[in-house]
N, C-alpha and C. Protein backbone atom coordinates (compact mmCIF):
# COMPACT_ATOMS: atom_id res chain seq x y z
N UNK A 1 0.75 -1.03 0.22
CA UNK A 1 0.05 -0.05 -0.03
C UNK A 1 0.87 1.17 -0.01
N UNK A 2 0.53 2.32 -0.88
CA UNK A 2 1.37 3.53 -0.76
C UNK A 2 1.21 4.07 0.56
N UNK A 3 2.28 4.85 0.87
CA UNK A 3 2.37 5.76 2.05
C UNK A 3 1.34 7.02 1.88
N UNK A 4 1.00 7.25 0.54
CA UNK A 4 -0.03 8.44 0.43
C UNK A 4 -1.27 8.02 0.68
N UNK A 5 -1.56 6.89 0.44
CA UNK A 5 -3.08 6.51 0.39
C UNK A 5 -3.51 6.41 2.05
N UNK A 6 -4.59 6.49 2.30
CA UNK A 6 -5.17 6.49 3.53
C UNK A 6 -5.77 5.03 3.62
N UNK A 7 -5.55 4.48 4.84
CA UNK A 7 -5.80 3.06 5.21
C UNK A 7 -7.00 3.06 6.08
N UNK A 8 -8.02 1.89 5.83
CA UNK A 8 -9.41 2.00 6.28
C UNK A 8 -9.15 0.78 7.51
N UNK A 9 -9.20 1.31 8.75
CA UNK A 9 -9.18 0.31 9.93
C UNK A 9 -10.41 0.75 10.96
N UNK A 10 -11.25 -0.33 11.34
CA UNK A 10 -12.25 -0.23 12.17
C UNK A 10 -13.12 0.76 11.71
N UNK A 11 -13.64 0.98 10.26
CA UNK A 11 -14.40 2.03 10.08
C UNK A 11 -14.18 3.27 9.84
N UNK A 12 -12.88 3.68 10.29
CA UNK A 12 -12.67 5.01 10.21
C UNK A 12 -11.20 5.24 9.30
N UNK A 13 -11.22 6.18 8.68
CA UNK A 13 -10.09 6.47 7.66
C UNK A 13 -9.13 7.15 8.39
N UNK A 14 -7.76 6.92 8.58
CA UNK A 14 -6.60 7.60 9.08
C UNK A 14 -5.43 7.77 8.37
N UNK A 15 -4.68 8.61 8.55
CA UNK A 15 -3.47 8.78 7.93
C UNK A 15 -2.52 8.08 8.39
N UNK A 16 -1.33 7.05 7.65
CA UNK A 16 -0.58 6.59 8.23
C UNK A 16 0.60 7.25 8.60
N UNK A 17 1.14 6.82 9.83
CA UNK A 17 2.21 7.49 10.64
C UNK A 17 3.29 7.93 9.54
N UNK A 18 3.85 9.18 9.60
CA UNK A 18 4.95 9.57 8.53
C UNK A 18 6.35 9.13 9.12
N UNK A 19 7.26 9.17 8.27
CA UNK A 19 8.71 8.75 8.69
C UNK A 19 9.39 9.78 9.74
N UNK A 20 8.75 10.94 9.69
CA UNK A 20 9.27 11.83 10.77
C UNK A 20 8.53 12.13 12.01
N UNK A 21 7.45 11.06 12.14
CA UNK A 21 7.22 10.93 13.53
C UNK A 21 8.23 10.75 14.88
N UNK A 22 7.83 11.68 15.80
CA UNK A 22 8.76 11.87 16.72
C UNK A 22 8.84 10.83 17.72
N UNK A 23 9.75 10.18 18.05
CA UNK A 23 9.95 9.17 19.20
C UNK A 23 10.71 9.88 20.23
N UNK A 24 10.15 10.04 21.36
CA UNK A 24 10.74 10.80 22.44
C UNK A 24 12.20 10.48 22.78
N UNK A 25 12.26 8.96 22.93
CA UNK A 25 13.54 8.45 23.56
C UNK A 25 14.63 8.65 22.39
N UNK A 26 14.31 8.85 21.12
CA UNK A 26 15.42 9.12 20.07
C UNK A 26 15.82 10.50 19.87
N UNK A 27 15.05 11.34 20.70
CA UNK A 27 15.44 12.79 20.31
C UNK A 27 16.81 13.20 21.21
N UNK A 28 17.56 14.06 20.61
CA UNK A 28 18.73 14.50 21.14
C UNK A 28 18.25 15.75 22.15
N UNK A 29 19.12 16.03 23.28
CA UNK A 29 19.00 17.09 24.52
C UNK A 29 18.48 18.25 23.52
N UNK A 30 18.93 18.86 22.47
CA UNK A 30 18.36 20.03 21.83
C UNK A 30 16.88 19.84 21.24
N UNK A 31 16.73 18.66 20.69
CA UNK A 31 15.50 18.50 20.33
C UNK A 31 14.26 18.13 21.42
N UNK A 32 14.77 17.56 22.61
CA UNK A 32 13.91 17.51 23.79
C UNK A 32 13.49 18.90 24.36
N UNK A 33 14.48 19.61 24.05
CA UNK A 33 14.09 21.05 24.71
C UNK A 33 13.30 21.87 23.74
N UNK A 34 13.28 21.53 22.35
CA UNK A 34 12.26 22.00 21.34
C UNK A 34 10.99 21.19 21.49
N UNK A 35 10.95 20.06 22.00
CA UNK A 35 9.87 19.35 22.03
C UNK A 35 9.09 20.12 23.29
N UNK A 36 9.72 20.28 24.44
CA UNK A 36 9.20 20.79 25.57
C UNK A 36 8.71 22.25 25.14
N UNK A 37 9.42 23.09 24.55
CA UNK A 37 8.89 24.42 24.07
C UNK A 37 7.53 24.18 23.31
N UNK A 38 7.59 23.04 22.36
CA UNK A 38 6.15 22.98 21.52
C UNK A 38 4.97 22.41 22.55
N UNK A 39 5.34 21.63 23.54
CA UNK A 39 4.38 21.31 24.46
C UNK A 39 3.61 22.53 25.36
N UNK A 40 4.73 23.45 25.59
CA UNK A 40 4.59 24.65 26.28
C UNK A 40 3.59 25.66 25.38
N UNK A 41 3.85 25.64 24.03
CA UNK A 41 3.09 26.39 23.16
C UNK A 41 1.51 25.85 23.10
N UNK A 42 1.34 24.24 23.07
CA UNK A 42 0.34 23.64 22.91
C UNK A 42 -0.61 24.07 24.26
N UNK A 43 0.08 24.00 25.29
CA UNK A 43 -0.60 24.23 26.68
C UNK A 43 -1.21 25.61 26.64
N UNK A 44 -0.40 26.76 26.30
CA UNK A 44 -0.57 28.08 26.32
C UNK A 44 -1.95 28.23 24.98
N UNK A 45 -1.75 27.65 24.05
CA UNK A 45 -2.85 27.80 22.87
C UNK A 45 -4.00 27.21 23.40
N UNK A 46 -4.16 26.07 24.27
CA UNK A 46 -5.43 25.83 24.98
C UNK A 46 -6.04 26.38 25.95
N UNK A 47 -4.99 27.22 26.57
CA UNK A 47 -5.60 28.20 27.73
C UNK A 47 -5.95 29.48 27.23
N UNK A 48 -5.65 29.73 26.05
CA UNK A 48 -6.08 31.00 25.37
C UNK A 48 -5.29 32.02 25.62
N UNK A 49 -3.90 31.98 25.72
CA UNK A 49 -2.86 33.10 26.38
C UNK A 49 -2.46 33.87 25.12
N UNK A 50 -2.80 33.76 24.00
CA UNK A 50 -2.61 34.75 22.92
C UNK A 50 -3.03 33.99 21.62
N UNK A 51 -2.72 34.76 20.77
CA UNK A 51 -2.81 34.04 19.30
C UNK A 51 -2.01 33.21 19.03
N UNK A 52 -1.96 32.25 17.86
CA UNK A 52 -0.89 31.20 17.63
C UNK A 52 0.58 32.04 17.41
N UNK A 53 0.34 32.96 16.19
CA UNK A 53 1.54 33.65 15.93
C UNK A 53 2.12 34.44 17.29
N UNK A 54 1.56 34.74 17.91
CA UNK A 54 2.21 35.53 19.47
C UNK A 54 2.82 34.54 20.10
N UNK A 55 2.17 33.28 20.36
CA UNK A 55 2.61 32.24 21.02
C UNK A 55 3.92 31.54 20.37
N UNK A 56 4.21 31.43 19.20
CA UNK A 56 5.12 31.07 18.43
C UNK A 56 6.26 31.80 18.61
N UNK A 57 6.12 33.16 18.56
CA UNK A 57 7.19 34.11 18.92
C UNK A 57 7.57 34.07 20.48
N UNK A 58 6.81 33.89 21.37
CA UNK A 58 6.88 33.53 22.52
C UNK A 58 7.72 32.35 22.98
N UNK A 59 7.41 31.34 22.48
CA UNK A 59 8.09 30.10 22.53
C UNK A 59 9.52 29.68 21.62
N UNK A 60 9.66 30.78 20.85
CA UNK A 60 10.82 30.83 19.85
C UNK A 60 10.81 29.49 18.91
N UNK A 61 9.57 29.37 18.41
CA UNK A 61 9.28 28.33 17.57
C UNK A 61 8.72 28.84 16.20
N UNK A 62 9.12 28.37 15.01
CA UNK A 62 8.38 28.57 13.84
C UNK A 62 7.33 27.84 13.59
N UNK A 63 6.39 28.15 12.69
CA UNK A 63 5.45 27.18 12.44
C UNK A 63 5.46 25.81 11.90
N UNK A 64 6.77 25.72 11.24
CA UNK A 64 6.92 24.53 10.52
C UNK A 64 7.51 23.57 11.72
N UNK A 65 8.34 23.95 12.64
CA UNK A 65 8.59 23.05 13.83
C UNK A 65 7.43 23.07 14.69
N UNK A 66 6.52 23.89 14.89
CA UNK A 66 5.40 23.33 15.54
C UNK A 66 4.54 22.35 15.06
N UNK A 67 4.51 22.15 13.88
CA UNK A 67 3.84 21.27 13.07
C UNK A 67 4.42 19.99 13.17
N UNK A 68 5.63 20.17 13.14
CA UNK A 68 6.58 18.83 13.24
C UNK A 68 6.45 18.25 14.44
N UNK A 69 6.40 18.96 15.56
CA UNK A 69 6.39 18.23 17.01
C UNK A 69 4.96 17.99 17.45
N UNK A 70 3.77 19.01 17.01
CA UNK A 70 2.75 18.81 17.54
C UNK A 70 1.50 17.95 16.60
N UNK A 71 1.91 18.27 15.21
CA UNK A 71 1.21 17.19 14.34
C UNK A 71 -0.26 17.46 14.47
N UNK A 72 -0.93 16.42 14.68
CA UNK A 72 -2.19 16.38 14.60
C UNK A 72 -2.86 16.93 15.91
N UNK A 73 -2.19 17.27 16.98
CA UNK A 73 -2.72 18.23 18.06
C UNK A 73 -2.95 19.60 17.72
N UNK A 74 -2.56 20.15 16.32
CA UNK A 74 -2.88 21.53 15.99
C UNK A 74 -3.90 21.17 15.03
N UNK A 75 -5.07 22.15 14.98
CA UNK A 75 -5.99 21.62 14.15
C UNK A 75 -6.30 23.15 13.46
N UNK A 76 -6.59 23.21 12.36
CA UNK A 76 -6.90 24.38 11.48
C UNK A 76 -5.57 24.87 10.80
N UNK A 77 -5.71 26.46 10.35
CA UNK A 77 -4.51 26.89 9.65
C UNK A 77 -4.60 26.95 8.40
N UNK A 78 -5.50 26.17 7.65
CA UNK A 78 -5.80 26.20 6.28
C UNK A 78 -6.97 26.77 5.84
N UNK A 79 -7.13 27.56 4.87
CA UNK A 79 -8.21 28.19 4.06
C UNK A 79 -8.70 29.35 4.92
N UNK A 80 -7.83 29.86 5.66
CA UNK A 80 -8.37 31.19 6.46
C UNK A 80 -8.74 30.83 7.80
N UNK A 81 -8.81 29.49 8.09
CA UNK A 81 -9.21 29.14 9.67
C UNK A 81 -8.10 29.28 10.63
N UNK A 82 -8.36 29.68 11.93
CA UNK A 82 -7.32 30.05 12.79
C UNK A 82 -7.04 28.56 13.37
N UNK A 83 -5.55 28.53 13.56
CA UNK A 83 -5.14 27.44 14.29
C UNK A 83 -5.53 27.17 15.78
N UNK A 84 -5.98 25.95 16.09
CA UNK A 84 -6.25 25.60 17.63
C UNK A 84 -5.64 24.41 17.79
N UNK A 85 -5.84 24.31 19.19
CA UNK A 85 -5.31 22.97 19.82
C UNK A 85 -6.43 21.87 19.94
N UNK A 86 -6.05 20.67 19.45
CA UNK A 86 -7.24 19.63 19.87
C UNK A 86 -7.56 19.74 21.27
N UNK A 87 -8.49 18.87 21.80
CA UNK A 87 -9.14 18.85 23.05
C UNK A 87 -8.39 17.66 23.79
N UNK A 88 -7.65 16.79 23.29
CA UNK A 88 -7.15 15.81 24.12
C UNK A 88 -5.66 15.61 23.46
N UNK A 89 -4.72 15.08 24.10
CA UNK A 89 -3.40 14.60 23.67
C UNK A 89 -2.91 13.34 24.19
N UNK A 90 -1.73 12.67 23.76
CA UNK A 90 -1.12 11.70 24.42
C UNK A 90 0.28 12.02 24.20
N UNK A 91 0.69 13.32 24.50
CA UNK A 91 2.35 13.94 24.47
C UNK A 91 2.96 13.02 25.49
N UNK A 92 4.37 12.93 25.31
CA UNK A 92 5.12 12.58 26.32
C UNK A 92 5.47 13.56 27.24
N UNK A 93 5.47 13.32 28.31
CA UNK A 93 5.95 14.62 29.44
C UNK A 93 6.91 13.94 30.38
N UNK A 94 7.73 14.76 30.54
CA UNK A 94 8.69 14.36 31.51
C UNK A 94 8.41 15.09 33.05
N UNK A 95 7.80 14.59 33.86
CA UNK A 95 7.53 15.36 35.20
C UNK A 95 8.22 14.74 36.43
N UNK A 96 8.15 15.74 37.24
CA UNK A 96 8.59 15.52 38.73
C UNK A 96 7.64 14.54 39.71
N UNK A 97 7.88 13.28 40.16
CA UNK A 97 7.11 12.45 40.78
C UNK A 97 7.73 12.60 42.38
N UNK A 98 6.99 12.66 43.25
CA UNK A 98 7.37 12.50 44.73
C UNK A 98 7.63 11.24 45.16
N UNK A 99 8.82 11.12 45.84
CA UNK A 99 9.23 9.82 46.27
C UNK A 99 9.76 9.95 47.70
N UNK A 100 10.05 9.07 48.50
CA UNK A 100 10.60 8.94 49.85
C UNK A 100 12.28 9.79 49.87
N UNK A 101 12.84 9.79 48.87
CA UNK A 101 14.19 10.26 48.48
C UNK A 101 14.00 11.63 47.95
N UNK A 102 13.04 12.15 47.43
CA UNK A 102 12.96 13.38 46.87
C UNK A 102 12.07 13.40 45.67
N UNK A 103 12.02 14.34 44.91
CA UNK A 103 11.26 14.46 43.79
C UNK A 103 12.30 13.80 42.42
N UNK A 104 11.81 12.77 41.80
CA UNK A 104 12.40 12.24 40.54
C UNK A 104 11.77 12.32 39.45
N UNK A 105 12.44 12.44 38.27
CA UNK A 105 11.57 12.57 36.87
C UNK A 105 11.03 11.30 36.48
N UNK A 106 9.67 11.38 36.21
CA UNK A 106 9.03 10.11 35.13
C UNK A 106 8.71 10.65 33.91
N UNK A 107 8.52 9.60 33.16
CA UNK A 107 7.78 9.96 31.67
C UNK A 107 6.24 9.46 31.71
N UNK A 108 5.28 10.39 31.26
CA UNK A 108 4.09 9.74 31.07
C UNK A 108 3.45 10.41 29.84
N UNK A 109 2.59 9.83 29.58
CA UNK A 109 1.69 10.27 28.32
C UNK A 109 0.30 10.76 28.70
N UNK A 110 0.06 10.70 29.98
CA UNK A 110 -1.41 10.90 30.66
C UNK A 110 -1.45 12.31 30.88
N UNK A 111 -2.49 13.26 30.21
CA UNK A 111 -2.61 14.55 30.65
C UNK A 111 -3.23 14.59 32.07
N UNK A 112 -4.00 13.41 32.38
CA UNK A 112 -4.70 13.43 33.86
C UNK A 112 -3.71 13.12 34.85
N UNK A 113 -2.60 12.40 34.66
CA UNK A 113 -1.64 12.09 35.34
C UNK A 113 -1.05 13.70 35.74
N UNK A 114 -0.70 14.57 34.69
CA UNK A 114 0.22 15.81 34.91
C UNK A 114 -0.71 16.67 35.74
N UNK A 115 -2.22 16.59 35.38
CA UNK A 115 -2.96 17.44 36.15
C UNK A 115 -3.10 17.10 37.66
N UNK A 116 -3.09 15.64 37.93
CA UNK A 116 -3.03 15.24 39.47
C UNK A 116 -1.83 15.49 39.98
N UNK A 117 -0.49 15.40 39.32
CA UNK A 117 0.65 15.97 40.08
C UNK A 117 0.76 17.23 40.36
N UNK A 118 0.15 18.09 39.35
CA UNK A 118 0.22 19.58 39.48
C UNK A 118 -0.66 19.92 40.74
N UNK A 119 -1.87 19.22 40.93
CA UNK A 119 -2.63 19.53 42.22
C UNK A 119 -1.93 18.94 43.36
N UNK A 120 -1.19 17.75 43.45
CA UNK A 120 -0.35 17.63 44.56
C UNK A 120 0.77 18.43 45.13
N UNK A 121 1.56 18.82 43.88
CA UNK A 121 2.80 19.81 44.31
C UNK A 121 2.03 21.25 44.88
N UNK A 122 0.94 21.50 44.25
CA UNK A 122 0.10 22.81 44.89
C UNK A 122 -0.24 22.66 46.11
N UNK A 123 -0.95 21.52 46.43
CA UNK A 123 -1.06 21.29 48.01
C UNK A 123 0.01 20.95 48.73
N UNK A 124 1.12 20.38 48.19
CA UNK A 124 2.32 20.35 49.18
C UNK A 124 2.92 21.38 49.39
N UNK A 125 2.71 22.51 48.36
CA UNK A 125 3.38 23.92 48.75
C UNK A 125 2.45 24.61 49.70
N UNK A 126 1.14 24.43 49.69
CA UNK A 126 0.27 24.97 50.67
C UNK A 126 0.60 24.38 52.18
N UNK A 127 0.96 23.03 52.09
CA UNK A 127 1.12 22.47 53.39
C UNK A 127 2.69 23.14 53.94
N UNK A 128 3.38 23.27 53.22
CA UNK A 128 4.74 24.21 53.51
C UNK A 128 4.74 25.35 53.86
N UNK A 129 3.74 25.93 53.40
CA UNK A 129 3.57 27.29 53.65
C UNK A 129 2.52 27.77 54.85
N UNK A 130 2.07 26.58 55.29
CA UNK A 130 0.99 26.59 56.62
C UNK A 130 -0.29 26.80 56.06
N UNK A 131 -0.76 27.08 54.95
CA UNK A 131 -1.97 27.17 54.38
C UNK A 131 -3.13 26.02 54.49
N UNK A 132 -2.32 24.81 54.72
CA UNK A 132 -3.00 23.65 54.63
C UNK A 132 -2.44 22.73 55.65
N UNK A 133 -3.64 22.26 56.58
CA UNK A 133 -3.31 21.41 57.72
C UNK A 133 -2.64 20.14 57.15
N UNK A 134 -1.94 19.40 58.38
CA UNK A 134 -1.30 18.05 57.71
C UNK A 134 -2.25 17.09 57.76
N UNK A 135 -3.19 17.05 58.57
CA UNK A 135 -4.36 16.05 58.57
C UNK A 135 -5.05 16.32 57.19
N UNK A 136 -5.36 17.60 56.65
CA UNK A 136 -6.20 17.66 55.41
C UNK A 136 -5.22 17.14 54.26
N UNK A 137 -4.04 17.33 54.30
CA UNK A 137 -3.16 17.00 53.28
C UNK A 137 -2.97 15.40 53.46
N UNK A 138 -2.89 14.63 54.31
CA UNK A 138 -2.87 13.54 54.57
C UNK A 138 -4.07 12.50 54.00
N UNK A 139 -5.36 13.16 54.39
CA UNK A 139 -6.45 12.71 53.95
C UNK A 139 -6.75 12.72 52.71
N UNK A 140 -6.42 13.93 52.08
CA UNK A 140 -6.52 13.98 50.56
C UNK A 140 -5.56 12.97 49.77
N UNK A 141 -4.35 12.94 50.33
CA UNK A 141 -3.32 12.10 49.24
C UNK A 141 -2.89 10.81 49.55
N UNK A 142 -3.28 10.40 51.12
CA UNK A 142 -2.73 9.08 51.20
C UNK A 142 -3.69 8.03 50.46
N UNK A 143 -2.56 7.32 49.99
CA UNK A 143 -3.14 6.14 49.01
C UNK A 143 -3.57 6.44 47.66
N UNK A 144 -3.23 7.59 47.13
CA UNK A 144 -3.55 8.07 45.88
C UNK A 144 -2.48 7.59 44.88
N UNK A 145 -2.93 7.06 43.76
CA UNK A 145 -1.84 6.31 42.81
C UNK A 145 -1.94 7.37 41.53
N UNK A 146 -0.71 7.85 40.92
CA UNK A 146 -0.60 8.51 39.72
C UNK A 146 0.54 7.75 38.69
N UNK A 147 0.04 7.48 37.67
CA UNK A 147 1.07 6.69 36.85
C UNK A 147 1.43 5.37 37.43
N UNK A 148 0.48 4.74 38.10
CA UNK A 148 0.53 3.25 38.43
C UNK A 148 1.53 3.21 39.79
N UNK A 149 1.95 4.38 40.43
CA UNK A 149 2.69 4.43 41.52
C UNK A 149 1.98 5.21 42.56
N UNK A 150 2.05 4.85 43.86
CA UNK A 150 1.53 5.58 45.17
C UNK A 150 2.28 7.03 45.27
N UNK A 151 1.64 7.97 45.59
CA UNK A 151 2.26 9.21 45.89
C UNK A 151 2.68 9.38 47.35
N UNK A 152 3.93 9.93 47.46
CA UNK A 152 4.47 10.09 48.86
C UNK A 152 4.06 11.07 49.59
N UNK A 153 3.03 10.98 50.61
CA UNK A 153 2.36 11.60 51.40
C UNK A 153 2.46 11.95 52.76
N UNK A 154 3.63 11.22 53.26
CA UNK A 154 3.93 11.28 54.81
C UNK A 154 4.49 12.89 55.13
N UNK A 155 3.55 13.34 55.99
CA UNK A 155 3.49 14.80 56.33
C UNK A 155 4.94 15.07 57.13
N UNK A 156 5.40 14.04 57.94
CA UNK A 156 6.40 14.34 58.85
C UNK A 156 7.87 14.16 57.99
N UNK A 157 7.92 13.27 56.86
CA UNK A 157 9.02 13.23 56.18
C UNK A 157 9.21 14.14 55.12
N UNK A 158 7.96 14.84 54.78
CA UNK A 158 7.73 15.89 53.95
C UNK A 158 8.52 17.19 54.50
N UNK A 159 8.00 17.38 55.65
CA UNK A 159 8.51 18.58 56.40
C UNK A 159 10.01 18.36 56.57
N UNK A 160 10.56 17.42 57.12
CA UNK A 160 11.90 17.17 57.38
C UNK A 160 12.60 17.21 56.05
N UNK A 161 12.25 16.91 55.04
CA UNK A 161 12.64 16.89 53.73
C UNK A 161 12.68 18.63 53.37
N UNK A 162 11.79 19.13 53.61
CA UNK A 162 11.87 20.66 53.35
C UNK A 162 12.85 21.50 54.12
N UNK A 163 12.86 21.06 55.63
CA UNK A 163 13.95 21.55 56.22
C UNK A 163 15.44 21.26 56.03
N UNK A 164 15.55 19.89 55.08
CA UNK A 164 16.95 19.84 54.67
C UNK A 164 16.92 20.45 53.33
N UNK A 165 16.16 20.90 52.91
CA UNK A 165 16.15 21.66 51.66
C UNK A 165 16.42 20.55 50.43
N UNK A 166 15.61 19.54 50.41
CA UNK A 166 15.56 18.83 49.51
C UNK A 166 14.47 19.07 48.41
N UNK A 167 13.44 19.48 48.93
CA UNK A 167 12.19 19.88 47.98
C UNK A 167 12.15 21.13 47.36
N UNK A 168 13.07 21.30 46.19
CA UNK A 168 13.24 22.32 45.59
C UNK A 168 12.59 21.97 44.19
N UNK A 169 11.19 22.61 44.01
CA UNK A 169 10.54 22.36 42.77
C UNK A 169 10.07 23.88 42.44
N UNK A 170 10.89 24.20 41.17
CA UNK A 170 10.78 25.23 40.51
C UNK A 170 9.46 25.32 39.25
N UNK A 171 9.62 24.07 38.84
CA UNK A 171 8.81 23.54 37.77
C UNK A 171 8.37 22.06 37.92
N UNK A 172 7.23 22.04 37.53
CA UNK A 172 6.46 20.53 37.53
C UNK A 172 7.19 19.59 36.49
N UNK A 173 7.45 20.16 35.52
CA UNK A 173 8.29 19.63 34.29
C UNK A 173 9.69 19.34 34.58
N UNK A 174 10.19 18.21 34.43
CA UNK A 174 11.65 18.18 34.63
C UNK A 174 12.46 18.70 33.56
N UNK A 175 13.78 19.25 33.68
CA UNK A 175 14.18 20.03 32.82
C UNK A 175 14.85 19.19 31.60
N UNK A 176 15.32 19.58 30.68
CA UNK A 176 15.76 18.76 29.51
C UNK A 176 17.24 19.31 29.19
N UNK A 177 18.09 19.52 30.18
CA UNK A 177 19.33 19.98 29.81
C UNK A 177 20.33 19.16 29.25
N UNK A 178 21.36 19.62 28.81
CA UNK A 178 22.39 18.80 28.06
C UNK A 178 22.94 17.39 28.98
N UNK A 179 22.76 17.37 30.05
CA UNK A 179 23.35 16.10 30.78
C UNK A 179 22.28 15.03 30.47
N UNK A 180 21.50 14.85 29.77
CA UNK A 180 20.86 13.65 29.32
C UNK A 180 21.49 12.88 27.89
């Protein structure tokens, strides 16, 4: 079958995957940084933080690069239609995950996991600032699983880790610096 033809599977027509489909594990450190900027563009586009062209400039991306990394998650842009984000995606995200030894990076494709972790870190920050009680934190997060693993919600250990300056979380997303 030609790669330009559409295949018919399960009653739906869909485009076959192209040769330049990105696999996160195969990207170089520089390409991972561009991938992360593309994900940030998609996130800002969903939240309505500006027009597509403004967000391209903000995230230092060209339209071609954004299409390369975001592909079918960008809808429109042809025949005068504005570019918008699809409602759901399965993008690879490198997130920080709370463990007994501190926050460690994990890879996930679930936006639900990213949202849950973001909420956990927000509540943990509230706990450390004294805006949330230890009981409320433990009741809410004890036994909760994200990405197949249980969140570390031991308040006494979290407070001692904060005193030891182990819990420095500037960004939920793990950095993609050159050390990888």
